[in-house]
């Protein structure tokens, strides 16, 4: 029995990979949570783990989302541990930064697993915690009108992944970060990005049942609002049906795993990491 257990442990540690952790909006790697998470990961996977500083605190608001992603890419390239295969564990908007690294970062290594806790994978369509009532209607209408102005896109980070449902043509015709991530206008680059995405071994999407930060909450699993504010699940979206960036291919290959936790946005603990993240890293 001891020999069998040792063999299983050897297999587990042999196939573990270094992990890059990407924090969410208005957070930073200096948060004590991340030092504890790194210790947990190092103990469980027996490999390297580090938090990438993509724009700590107010920088995540004032830096364009493209800049934050480029910063993460440069961080990845600065660690020799990521010159080969590695995994990403992301929190909130870190999920989109993870997608950028997978699809667009010009690096030596290759991402094999992405675990996303509450990532707005298809953007967010309403101001956080402002989902109903006349005042929120006015606020969201103003955001819908101004959000795709170039100076807004260049100076407010979350504007890069705001997906207005009421004026979807404005979104699709914009030069926003999310539009280019989902459907790169350069065909050759788009095919390369798609190939990189479908080379993932695991895409783990963890949503939160009571999430009011990202809208709809199903964006955590690549769901969206249509123009009538009806929820379209992942397999009902244009991006999935046409397999523009490889999501359909990945899912039909049984590499996409979706879970929901009963809580608010990124309300999870270390037990959830052990249950939903560690097995896929």
C-alpha atoms as a PDB file:
ATOM      1  CA  UNK A   1       0.000   0.000   0.000  1.00  0.00           C
ATOM      2  CA  UNK A   2       2.806   2.431   0.872  1.00  0.00           C
ATOM      3  CA  UNK A   3       4.414   1.788  -2.517  1.00  0.00           C
ATOM      4  CA  UNK A   4       1.136   2.547  -4.293  1.00  0.00           C
ATOM      5  CA  UNK A   5       0.662   5.800  -2.366  1.00  0.00           C
ATOM      6  CA  UNK A   6       4.235   6.854  -3.106  1.00  0.00           C
ATOM      7  CA  UNK A   7       3.711   6.106  -6.793  1.00  0.00           C
ATOM      8  CA  UNK A   8       0.515   8.206  -6.891  1.00  0.00           C
ATOM      9  CA  UNK A   9       2.291  11.068  -5.116  1.00  0.00           C
ATOM     10  CA  UNK A  10       5.202  10.825  -7.558  1.00  0.00           C
ATOM     11  CA  UNK A  11       2.825  11.017 -10.528  1.00  0.00           C
ATOM     12  CA  UNK A  12       1.018  13.999  -9.014  1.00  0.00           C
ATOM     13  CA  UNK A  13       4.179  16.005  -8.382  1.00  0.00           C
ATOM     14  CA  UNK A  14       5.759  14.992 -11.700  1.00  0.00           C
ATOM     15  CA  UNK A  15       2.918  16.505 -13.698  1.00  0.00           C
ATOM     16  CA  UNK A  16       2.404  19.632 -11.591  1.00  0.00           C
ATOM     17  CA  UNK A  17       3.341  22.918 -13.197  1.00  0.00           C
ATOM     18  CA  UNK A  18       4.450  26.381 -12.027  1.00  0.00           C
ATOM     19  CA  UNK A  19       1.519  28.682 -11.302  1.00  0.00           C
ATOM     20  CA  UNK A  20       1.057  32.378 -12.084  1.00  0.00           C
ATOM     21  CA  UNK A  21      -1.584  34.058  -9.911  1.00  0.00           C
ATOM     22  CA  UNK A  22      -3.362  37.119 -11.321  1.00  0.00           C
ATOM     23  CA  UNK A  23      -5.300  39.337  -8.944  1.00  0.00           C
ATOM     24  CA  UNK A  24      -8.512  41.246  -9.589  1.00  0.00           C
ATOM     25  CA  UNK A  25      -9.657  44.856  -9.834  1.00  0.00           C
ATOM     26  CA  UNK A  26      -8.331  47.257  -7.165  1.00  0.00           C
ATOM     27  CA  UNK A  27      -6.396  44.433  -5.528  1.00  0.00           C
ATOM     28  CA  UNK A  28      -2.650  43.885  -5.435  1.00  0.00           C
ATOM     29  CA  UNK A  29      -0.094  41.190  -4.741  1.00  0.00           C
ATOM     30  CA  UNK A  30       0.701  42.889  -1.428  1.00  0.00           C
ATOM     31  CA  UNK A  31      -2.627  41.584  -0.101  1.00  0.00           C
ATOM     32  CA  UNK A  32      -1.737  39.005   2.617  1.00  0.00           C
ATOM     33  CA  UNK A  33      -4.236  36.628   1.017  1.00  0.00           C
ATOM     34  CA  UNK A  34      -1.864  36.060  -1.883  1.00  0.00           C
ATOM     35  CA  UNK A  35       1.170  35.221   0.250  1.00  0.00           C
ATOM     36  CA  UNK A  36      -0.960  32.574   2.011  1.00  0.00           C
ATOM     37  CA  UNK A  37      -2.294  31.318  -1.335  1.00  0.00           C
ATOM     38  CA  UNK A  38       1.248  31.014  -2.704  1.00  0.00           C
ATOM     39  CA  UNK A  39       2.284  28.951   0.331  1.00  0.00           C
ATOM     40  CA  UNK A  40      -0.735  26.686  -0.144  1.00  0.00           C
ATOM     41  CA  UNK A  41      -0.010  26.182  -3.845  1.00  0.00           C
ATOM     42  CA  UNK A  42       3.679  25.497  -3.309  1.00  0.00           C
ATOM     43  CA  UNK A  43       2.817  22.903  -0.667  1.00  0.00           C
ATOM     44  CA  UNK A  44       0.130  21.175  -2.756  1.00  0.00           C
ATOM     45  CA  UNK A  45       1.698  21.245  -6.223  1.00  0.00           C
ATOM     46  CA  UNK A  46       5.330  21.052  -5.110  1.00  0.00           C
ATOM     47  CA  UNK A  47       6.309  23.683  -7.665  1.00  0.00           C
ATOM     48  CA  UNK A  48       6.860  27.409  -8.198  1.00  0.00           C
ATOM     49  CA  UNK A  49       4.020  29.911  -7.627  1.00  0.00           C
ATOM     50  CA  UNK A  50       4.011  33.701  -7.762  1.00  0.00           C
ATOM     51  CA  UNK A  51       1.526  36.580  -7.903  1.00  0.00           C
ATOM     52  CA  UNK A  52       1.878  38.832 -10.953  1.00  0.00           C
ATOM     53  CA  UNK A  53       1.511  42.547 -10.249  1.00  0.00           C
ATOM     54  CA  UNK A  54      -0.567  43.749 -13.186  1.00  0.00           C
ATOM     55  CA  UNK A  55      -1.647  47.109 -11.792  1.00  0.00           C
ATOM     56  CA  UNK A  56      -2.119  47.197  -8.070  1.00  0.00           C
ATOM     57  CA  UNK A  57      -4.743  49.330  -6.344  1.00  0.00           C
ATOM     58  CA  UNK A  58      -5.791  52.437  -8.257  1.00  0.00           C
ATOM     59  CA  UNK A  59      -3.610  51.480 -11.246  1.00  0.00           C
ATOM     60  CA  UNK A  60      -6.216  48.866 -12.155  1.00  0.00           C
ATOM     61  CA  UNK A  61      -8.636  51.768 -12.581  1.00  0.00           C
ATOM     62  CA  UNK A  62      -6.422  54.349 -14.273  1.00  0.00           C
ATOM     63  CA  UNK A  63      -4.321  52.131 -16.551  1.00  0.00           C
ATOM     64  CA  UNK A  64      -5.970  50.957 -19.749  1.00  0.00           C
ATOM     65  CA  UNK A  65      -6.793  47.274 -19.653  1.00  0.00           C
ATOM     66  CA  UNK A  66      -4.455  46.676 -22.577  1.00  0.00           C
ATOM     67  CA  UNK A  67      -1.585  48.167 -20.534  1.00  0.00           C
ATOM     68  CA  UNK A  68      -2.423  45.963 -17.558  1.00  0.00           C
ATOM     69  CA  UNK A  69      -2.323  42.887 -19.799  1.00  0.00           C
ATOM     70  CA  UNK A  70       0.971  43.915 -21.374  1.00  0.00           C
ATOM     71  CA  UNK A  71       2.407  44.432 -17.908  1.00  0.00           C
ATOM     72  CA  UNK A  72       1.342  40.897 -16.952  1.00  0.00           C
ATOM     73  CA  UNK A  73       2.943  39.538 -20.117  1.00  0.00           C
ATOM     74  CA  UNK A  74       6.252  41.229 -19.263  1.00  0.00           C
ATOM     75  CA  UNK A  75       6.039  39.814 -15.723  1.00  0.00           C
ATOM     76  CA  UNK A  76       5.585  36.316 -17.144  1.00  0.00           C
ATOM     77  CA  UNK A  77       8.629  36.731 -19.374  1.00  0.00           C
ATOM     78  CA  UNK A  78      10.743  37.867 -16.419  1.00  0.00           C
ATOM     79  CA  UNK A  79      10.476  34.445 -14.715  1.00  0.00           C
ATOM     80  CA  UNK A  80      12.469  31.560 -16.160  1.00  0.00           C
ATOM     81  CA  UNK A  81      10.037  29.188 -14.435  1.00  0.00           C
ATOM     82  CA  UNK A  82       7.458  30.189 -17.058  1.00  0.00           C
ATOM     83  CA  UNK A  83       9.689  29.458 -20.042  1.00  0.00           C
ATOM     84  CA  UNK A  84       7.979  26.068 -20.392  1.00  0.00           C
ATOM     85  CA  UNK A  85       4.444  24.859 -19.623  1.00  0.00           C
ATOM     86  CA  UNK A  86       2.676  26.556 -16.711  1.00  0.00           C
ATOM     87  CA  UNK A  87      -0.756  27.217 -15.217  1.00  0.00           C
ATOM     88  CA  UNK A  88      -2.665  30.396 -14.368  1.00  0.00           C
ATOM     89  CA  UNK A  89      -4.945  30.882 -11.377  1.00  0.00           C
ATOM     90  CA  UNK A  90      -6.914  34.102 -11.836  1.00  0.00           C
ATOM     91  CA  UNK A  91      -9.334  36.124  -9.770  1.00  0.00           C
ATOM     92  CA  UNK A  92     -12.036  38.416 -11.185  1.00  0.00           C
ATOM     93  CA  UNK A  93     -10.674  40.555 -14.054  1.00  0.00           C
ATOM     94  CA  UNK A  94      -7.488  38.517 -13.801  1.00  0.00           C
ATOM     95  CA  UNK A  95      -9.368  35.918 -15.850  1.00  0.00           C
ATOM     96  CA  UNK A  96      -9.345  38.211 -18.875  1.00  0.00           C
ATOM     97  CA  UNK A  97      -5.678  38.993 -18.306  1.00  0.00           C
ATOM     98  CA  UNK A  98      -5.133  35.237 -18.241  1.00  0.00           C
ATOM     99  CA  UNK A  99      -6.878  34.944 -21.592  1.00  0.00           C
ATOM    100  CA  UNK A 100      -4.621  37.666 -22.999  1.00  0.00           C
ATOM    101  CA  UNK A 101      -1.509  35.791 -21.855  1.00  0.00           C
ATOM    102  CA  UNK A 102      -2.807  32.577 -23.418  1.00  0.00           C
ATOM    103  CA  UNK A 103      -3.770  34.152 -26.731  1.00  0.00           C
ATOM    104  CA  UNK A 104      -1.476  37.107 -27.260  1.00  0.00           C
ATOM    105  CA  UNK A 105       1.600  37.149 -25.013  1.00  0.00           C
ATOM    106  CA  UNK A 106       4.771  36.597 -27.055  1.00  0.00           C
ATOM    107  CA  UNK A 107       6.576  34.347 -24.588  1.00  0.00           C
ATOM    108  CA  UNK A 108       8.701  31.214 -24.502  1.00  0.00           C
ATOM    109  CA  UNK A 109       6.324  29.219 -22.341  1.00  0.00           C
ATOM    110  CA  UNK A 110       2.800  27.957 -22.881  1.00  0.00           C
ATOM    111  CA  UNK A 111      -0.254  28.074 -20.629  1.00  0.00           C
ATOM    112  CA  UNK A 112      -1.722  24.608 -20.117  1.00  0.00           C
ATOM    113  CA  UNK A 113      -4.373  25.306 -17.483  1.00  0.00           C
ATOM    114  CA  UNK A 114      -6.456  28.373 -16.645  1.00  0.00           C
ATOM    115  CA  UNK A 115      -8.531  28.439 -13.452  1.00  0.00           C
ATOM    116  CA  UNK A 116     -10.760  31.510 -13.199  1.00  0.00           C
ATOM    117  CA  UNK A 117     -12.628  32.573 -10.048  1.00  0.00           C
ATOM    118  CA  UNK A 118     -15.361  35.000 -11.089  1.00  0.00           C
ATOM    119  CA  UNK A 119     -13.724  36.219 -14.298  1.00  0.00           C
ATOM    120  CA  UNK A 120     -15.815  38.476 -16.590  1.00  0.00           C
ATOM    121  CA  UNK A 121     -14.851  36.316 -19.552  1.00  0.00           C
ATOM    122  CA  UNK A 122     -17.306  37.976 -21.921  1.00  0.00           C
ATOM    123  CA  UNK A 123     -17.123  41.362 -20.244  1.00  0.00           C
ATOM    124  CA  UNK A 124     -19.661  43.037 -17.999  1.00  0.00           C
ATOM    125  CA  UNK A 125     -22.797  44.844 -19.154  1.00  0.00           C
ATOM    126  CA  UNK A 126     -23.803  46.998 -16.186  1.00  0.00           C
ATOM    127  CA  UNK A 127     -22.160  49.141 -13.526  1.00  0.00           C
ATOM    128  CA  UNK A 128     -21.360  46.944 -10.495  1.00  0.00           C
ATOM    129  CA  UNK A 129     -24.201  46.647  -7.947  1.00  0.00           C
ATOM    130  CA  UNK A 130     -26.408  48.803 -10.180  1.00  0.00           C
ATOM    131  CA  UNK A 131     -28.736  46.298 -11.762  1.00  0.00           C
ATOM    132  CA  UNK A 132     -32.181  47.901 -11.388  1.00  0.00           C
ATOM    133  CA  UNK A 133     -34.165  51.090 -10.638  1.00  0.00           C
ATOM    134  CA  UNK A 134     -34.428  54.432 -12.413  1.00  0.00           C
ATOM    135  CA  UNK A 135     -31.160  55.854 -11.049  1.00  0.00           C
ATOM    136  CA  UNK A 136     -29.214  52.791 -12.208  1.00  0.00           C
ATOM    137  CA  UNK A 137     -30.949  52.975 -15.582  1.00  0.00           C
ATOM    138  CA  UNK A 138     -29.683  56.548 -15.999  1.00  0.00           C
ATOM    139  CA  UNK A 139     -26.168  55.667 -14.841  1.00  0.00           C
ATOM    140  CA  UNK A 140     -25.913  52.629 -17.105  1.00  0.00           C
ATOM    141  CA  UNK A 141     -27.308  54.607 -20.047  1.00  0.00           C
ATOM    142  CA  UNK A 142     -24.604  57.251 -19.600  1.00  0.00           C
ATOM    143  CA  UNK A 143     -21.919  54.572 -19.387  1.00  0.00           C
ATOM    144  CA  UNK A 144     -23.293  52.901 -22.525  1.00  0.00           C
ATOM    145  CA  UNK A 145     -22.994  56.199 -24.400  1.00  0.00           C
ATOM    146  CA  UNK A 146     -19.506  57.244 -23.305  1.00  0.00           C
ATOM    147  CA  UNK A 147     -17.647  53.996 -22.624  1.00  0.00           C
ATOM    148  CA  UNK A 148     -16.291  53.431 -26.149  1.00  0.00           C
ATOM    149  CA  UNK A 149     -14.840  56.925 -26.544  1.00  0.00           C
ATOM    150  CA  UNK A 150     -11.117  56.504 -27.133  1.00  0.00           C
ATOM    151  CA  UNK A 151     -10.042  58.627 -24.153  1.00  0.00           C
ATOM    152  CA  UNK A 152     -12.278  56.559 -21.851  1.00  0.00           C
ATOM    153  CA  UNK A 153     -10.868  53.290 -23.212  1.00  0.00           C
ATOM    154  CA  UNK A 154      -7.332  54.601 -22.696  1.00  0.00           C
ATOM    155  CA  UNK A 155      -7.796  55.911 -19.169  1.00  0.00           C
ATOM    156  CA  UNK A 156     -10.291  53.632 -17.365  1.00  0.00           C
ATOM    157  CA  UNK A 157      -9.241  50.003 -17.051  1.00  0.00           C
ATOM    158  CA  UNK A 158     -12.643  48.237 -16.799  1.00  0.00           C
ATOM    159  CA  UNK A 159     -13.908  50.176 -19.837  1.00  0.00           C
ATOM    160  CA  UNK A 160     -11.825  47.747 -21.903  1.00  0.00           C
ATOM    161  CA  UNK A 161     -14.149  44.873 -21.078  1.00  0.00           C
ATOM    162  CA  UNK A 162     -17.485  46.683 -20.808  1.00  0.00           C
ATOM    163  CA  UNK A 163     -19.967  45.012 -23.164  1.00  0.00           C
ATOM    164  CA  UNK A 164     -23.058  47.164 -23.601  1.00  0.00           C
ATOM    165  CA  UNK A 165     -26.064  44.931 -24.223  1.00  0.00           C
ATOM    166  CA  UNK A 166     -28.466  47.731 -25.160  1.00  0.00           C
ATOM    167  CA  UNK A 167     -26.219  48.937 -28.007  1.00  0.00           C
ATOM    168  CA  UNK A 168     -24.392  45.799 -29.072  1.00  0.00           C
ATOM    169  CA  UNK A 169     -23.485  47.243 -32.499  1.00  0.00           C
ATOM    170  CA  UNK A 170     -21.583  50.044 -30.765  1.00  0.00           C
ATOM    171  CA  UNK A 171     -19.644  47.413 -28.844  1.00  0.00           C
ATOM    172  CA  UNK A 172     -18.845  45.312 -31.914  1.00  0.00           C
ATOM    173  CA  UNK A 173     -17.751  48.377 -33.897  1.00  0.00           C
ATOM    174  CA  UNK A 174     -15.566  49.687 -31.094  1.00  0.00           C
ATOM    175  CA  UNK A 175     -11.823  49.300 -30.670  1.00  0.00           C
ATOM    176  CA  UNK A 176     -12.184  47.945 -27.142  1.00  0.00           C
ATOM    177  CA  UNK A 177      -9.880  45.380 -25.606  1.00  0.00           C
ATOM    178  CA  UNK A 178     -12.608  42.723 -25.404  1.00  0.00           C
ATOM    179  CA  UNK A 179     -13.637  43.048 -29.048  1.00  0.00           C
ATOM    180  CA  UNK A 180     -10.061  42.435 -30.182  1.00  0.00           C
ATOM    181  CA  UNK A 181      -9.562  39.576 -27.706  1.00  0.00           C
ATOM    182  CA  UNK A 182     -12.688  37.779 -28.910  1.00  0.00           C
ATOM    183  CA  UNK A 183     -12.251  38.438 -32.610  1.00  0.00           C
ATOM    184  CA  UNK A 184      -8.894  39.776 -33.737  1.00  0.00           C
ATOM    185  CA  UNK A 185      -9.475  41.597 -37.066  1.00  0.00           C
ATOM    186  CA  UNK A 186      -6.159  40.227 -38.363  1.00  0.00           C
ATOM    187  CA  UNK A 187      -7.081  36.765 -39.703  1.00  0.00           C
ATOM    188  CA  UNK A 188      -3.576  35.306 -39.442  1.00  0.00           C
ATOM    189  CA  UNK A 189      -3.149  36.489 -35.854  1.00  0.00           C
ATOM    190  CA  UNK A 190      -6.666  35.305 -34.991  1.00  0.00           C
ATOM    191  CA  UNK A 191      -5.870  31.769 -36.147  1.00  0.00           C
ATOM    192  CA  UNK A 192      -2.658  31.712 -34.100  1.00  0.00           C
ATOM    193  CA  UNK A 193      -4.540  32.931 -31.020  1.00  0.00           C
ATOM    194  CA  UNK A 194      -7.236  30.302 -31.559  1.00  0.00           C
ATOM    195  CA  UNK A 195      -4.625  27.580 -31.820  1.00  0.00           C
ATOM    196  CA  UNK A 196      -3.040  28.703 -28.568  1.00  0.00           C
ATOM    197  CA  UNK A 197      -6.401  28.728 -26.807  1.00  0.00           C
ATOM    198  CA  UNK A 198      -7.402  25.209 -27.870  1.00  0.00           C
ATOM    199  CA  UNK A 199      -4.012  23.921 -26.703  1.00  0.00           C
ATOM    200  CA  UNK A 200      -5.175  24.359 -23.117  1.00  0.00           C
ATOM    201  CA  UNK A 201      -5.530  21.136 -21.140  1.00  0.00           C
ATOM    202  CA  UNK A 202      -8.089  22.613 -18.767  1.00  0.00           C
ATOM    203  CA  UNK A 203     -10.264  25.716 -18.669  1.00  0.00           C
ATOM    204  CA  UNK A 204     -11.902  25.937 -15.233  1.00  0.00           C
ATOM    205  CA  UNK A 205     -14.650  28.559 -14.895  1.00  0.00           C
ATOM    206  CA  UNK A 206     -15.950  29.250 -11.400  1.00  0.00           C
ATOM    207  CA  UNK A 207     -18.927  31.561 -11.005  1.00  0.00           C
ATOM    208  CA  UNK A 208     -20.826  32.902  -8.001  1.00  0.00           C
ATOM    209  CA  UNK A 209     -24.591  32.537  -7.628  1.00  0.00           C
ATOM    210  CA  UNK A 210     -25.069  35.921  -5.901  1.00  0.00           C
ATOM    211  CA  UNK A 211     -22.576  37.890  -7.988  1.00  0.00           C
ATOM    212  CA  UNK A 212     -23.612  41.529  -8.524  1.00  0.00           C
ATOM    213  CA  UNK A 213     -20.162  42.810  -9.466  1.00  0.00           C
ATOM    214  CA  UNK A 214     -20.102  41.350 -12.968  1.00  0.00           C
ATOM    215  CA  UNK A 215     -23.201  41.302 -15.135  1.00  0.00           C
ATOM    216  CA  UNK A 216     -24.597  38.885 -16.009  1.00  0.00           C
ATOM    217  CA  UNK A 217     -23.061  36.514 -13.487  1.00  0.00           C
ATOM    218  CA  UNK A 218     -22.970  33.950 -16.309  1.00  0.00           C
ATOM    219  CA  UNK A 219     -20.160  35.931 -17.959  1.00  0.00           C
ATOM    220  CA  UNK A 220     -17.954  33.865 -15.629  1.00  0.00           C
ATOM    221  CA  UNK A 221     -18.757  30.912 -17.929  1.00  0.00           C
ATOM    222  CA  UNK A 222     -18.710  32.952 -21.193  1.00  0.00           C
ATOM    223  CA  UNK A 223     -22.414  33.855 -21.033  1.00  0.00           C
ATOM    224  CA  UNK A 224     -23.807  37.244 -22.121  1.00  0.00           C
ATOM    225  CA  UNK A 225     -26.912  39.430 -22.238  1.00  0.00           C
ATOM    226  CA  UNK A 226     -28.556  39.835 -25.631  1.00  0.00           C
ATOM    227  CA  UNK A 227     -30.137  43.176 -26.622  1.00  0.00           C
ATOM    228  CA  UNK A 228     -33.325  42.249 -24.732  1.00  0.00           C
ATOM    229  CA  UNK A 229     -31.231  41.562 -21.627  1.00  0.00           C
ATOM    230  CA  UNK A 230     -31.995  37.861 -21.899  1.00  0.00           C
ATOM    231  CA  UNK A 231     -29.175  35.608 -20.794  1.00  0.00           C
ATOM    232  CA  UNK A 232     -27.422  33.591 -23.472  1.00  0.00           C
ATOM    233  CA  UNK A 233     -25.376  30.728 -22.107  1.00  0.00           C
ATOM    234  CA  UNK A 234     -21.942  29.978 -23.495  1.00  0.00           C
ATOM    235  CA  UNK A 235     -23.112  27.608 -26.256  1.00  0.00           C
ATOM    236  CA  UNK A 236     -25.744  30.121 -27.459  1.00  0.00           C
ATOM    237  CA  UNK A 237     -23.328  32.932 -28.240  1.00  0.00           C
ATOM    238  CA  UNK A 238     -22.046  33.847 -31.694  1.00  0.00           C
ATOM    239  CA  UNK A 239     -18.458  33.498 -30.502  1.00  0.00           C
ATOM    240  CA  UNK A 240     -19.092  29.901 -29.429  1.00  0.00           C
ATOM    241  CA  UNK A 241     -21.204  28.800 -32.405  1.00  0.00           C
ATOM    242  CA  UNK A 242     -18.626  30.110 -34.877  1.00  0.00           C
ATOM    243  CA  UNK A 243     -15.763  28.925 -32.653  1.00  0.00           C
ATOM    244  CA  UNK A 244     -13.990  32.225 -33.262  1.00  0.00           C
ATOM    245  CA  UNK A 245     -11.291  31.823 -30.614  1.00  0.00           C
ATOM    246  CA  UNK A 246     -11.561  28.079 -29.943  1.00  0.00           C
ATOM    247  CA  UNK A 247     -14.011  27.874 -27.047  1.00  0.00           C
ATOM    248  CA  UNK A 248     -16.305  25.388 -28.802  1.00  0.00           C
ATOM    249  CA  UNK A 249     -13.392  23.151 -29.748  1.00  0.00           C
ATOM    250  CA  UNK A 250     -12.075  23.225 -26.194  1.00  0.00           C
ATOM    251  CA  UNK A 251     -15.490  22.470 -24.686  1.00  0.00           C
ATOM    252  CA  UNK A 252     -16.318  19.641 -27.074  1.00  0.00           C
ATOM    253  CA  UNK A 253     -12.946  18.128 -26.173  1.00  0.00           C
ATOM    254  CA  UNK A 254     -14.153  17.963 -22.543  1.00  0.00           C
ATOM    255  CA  UNK A 255     -11.532  20.463 -21.416  1.00  0.00           C
ATOM    256  CA  UNK A 256     -13.953  23.076 -20.071  1.00  0.00           C
ATOM    257  CA  UNK A 257     -15.141  22.662 -16.480  1.00  0.00           C
ATOM    258  CA  UNK A 258     -17.826  24.916 -14.972  1.00  0.00           C
ATOM    259  CA  UNK A 259     -18.654  25.262 -11.269  1.00  0.00           C
ATOM    260  CA  UNK A 260     -20.749  27.687  -9.223  1.00  0.00           C
ATOM    261  CA  UNK A 261     -20.214  28.657  -5.598  1.00  0.00           C
ATOM    262  CA  UNK A 262     -23.052  29.910  -3.399  1.00  0.00           C
ATOM    263  CA  UNK A 263     -21.765  33.362  -2.606  1.00  0.00           C
ATOM    264  CA  UNK A 264     -21.085  36.876  -3.827  1.00  0.00           C
ATOM    265  CA  UNK A 265     -18.296  37.963  -6.173  1.00  0.00           C
ATOM    266  CA  UNK A 266     -14.998  36.117  -5.433  1.00  0.00           C
ATOM    267  CA  UNK A 267     -16.369  34.938  -2.081  1.00  0.00           C
ATOM    268  CA  UNK A 268     -14.281  31.793  -1.762  1.00  0.00           C
ATOM    269  CA  UNK A 269     -11.817  30.257   0.671  1.00  0.00           C
ATOM    270  CA  UNK A 270      -8.821  27.930   0.673  1.00  0.00           C
ATOM    271  CA  UNK A 271     -11.073  24.856   0.772  1.00  0.00           C
ATOM    272  CA  UNK A 272     -12.578  25.995  -2.530  1.00  0.00           C
ATOM    273  CA  UNK A 273      -9.073  26.361  -3.965  1.00  0.00           C
ATOM    274  CA  UNK A 274      -8.287  22.807  -2.875  1.00  0.00           C
ATOM    275  CA  UNK A 275     -11.515  21.458  -4.366  1.00  0.00           C
ATOM    276  CA  UNK A 276     -11.879  23.415  -7.609  1.00  0.00           C
ATOM    277  CA  UNK A 277      -8.395  24.689  -8.519  1.00  0.00           C
ATOM    278  CA  UNK A 278      -5.665  22.321  -7.302  1.00  0.00           C
ATOM    279  CA  UNK A 279      -6.927  19.256  -9.245  1.00  0.00           C
ATOM    280  CA  UNK A 280      -6.521  21.183 -12.529  1.00  0.00           C
ATOM    281  CA  UNK A 281      -3.197  22.908 -11.917  1.00  0.00           C
END
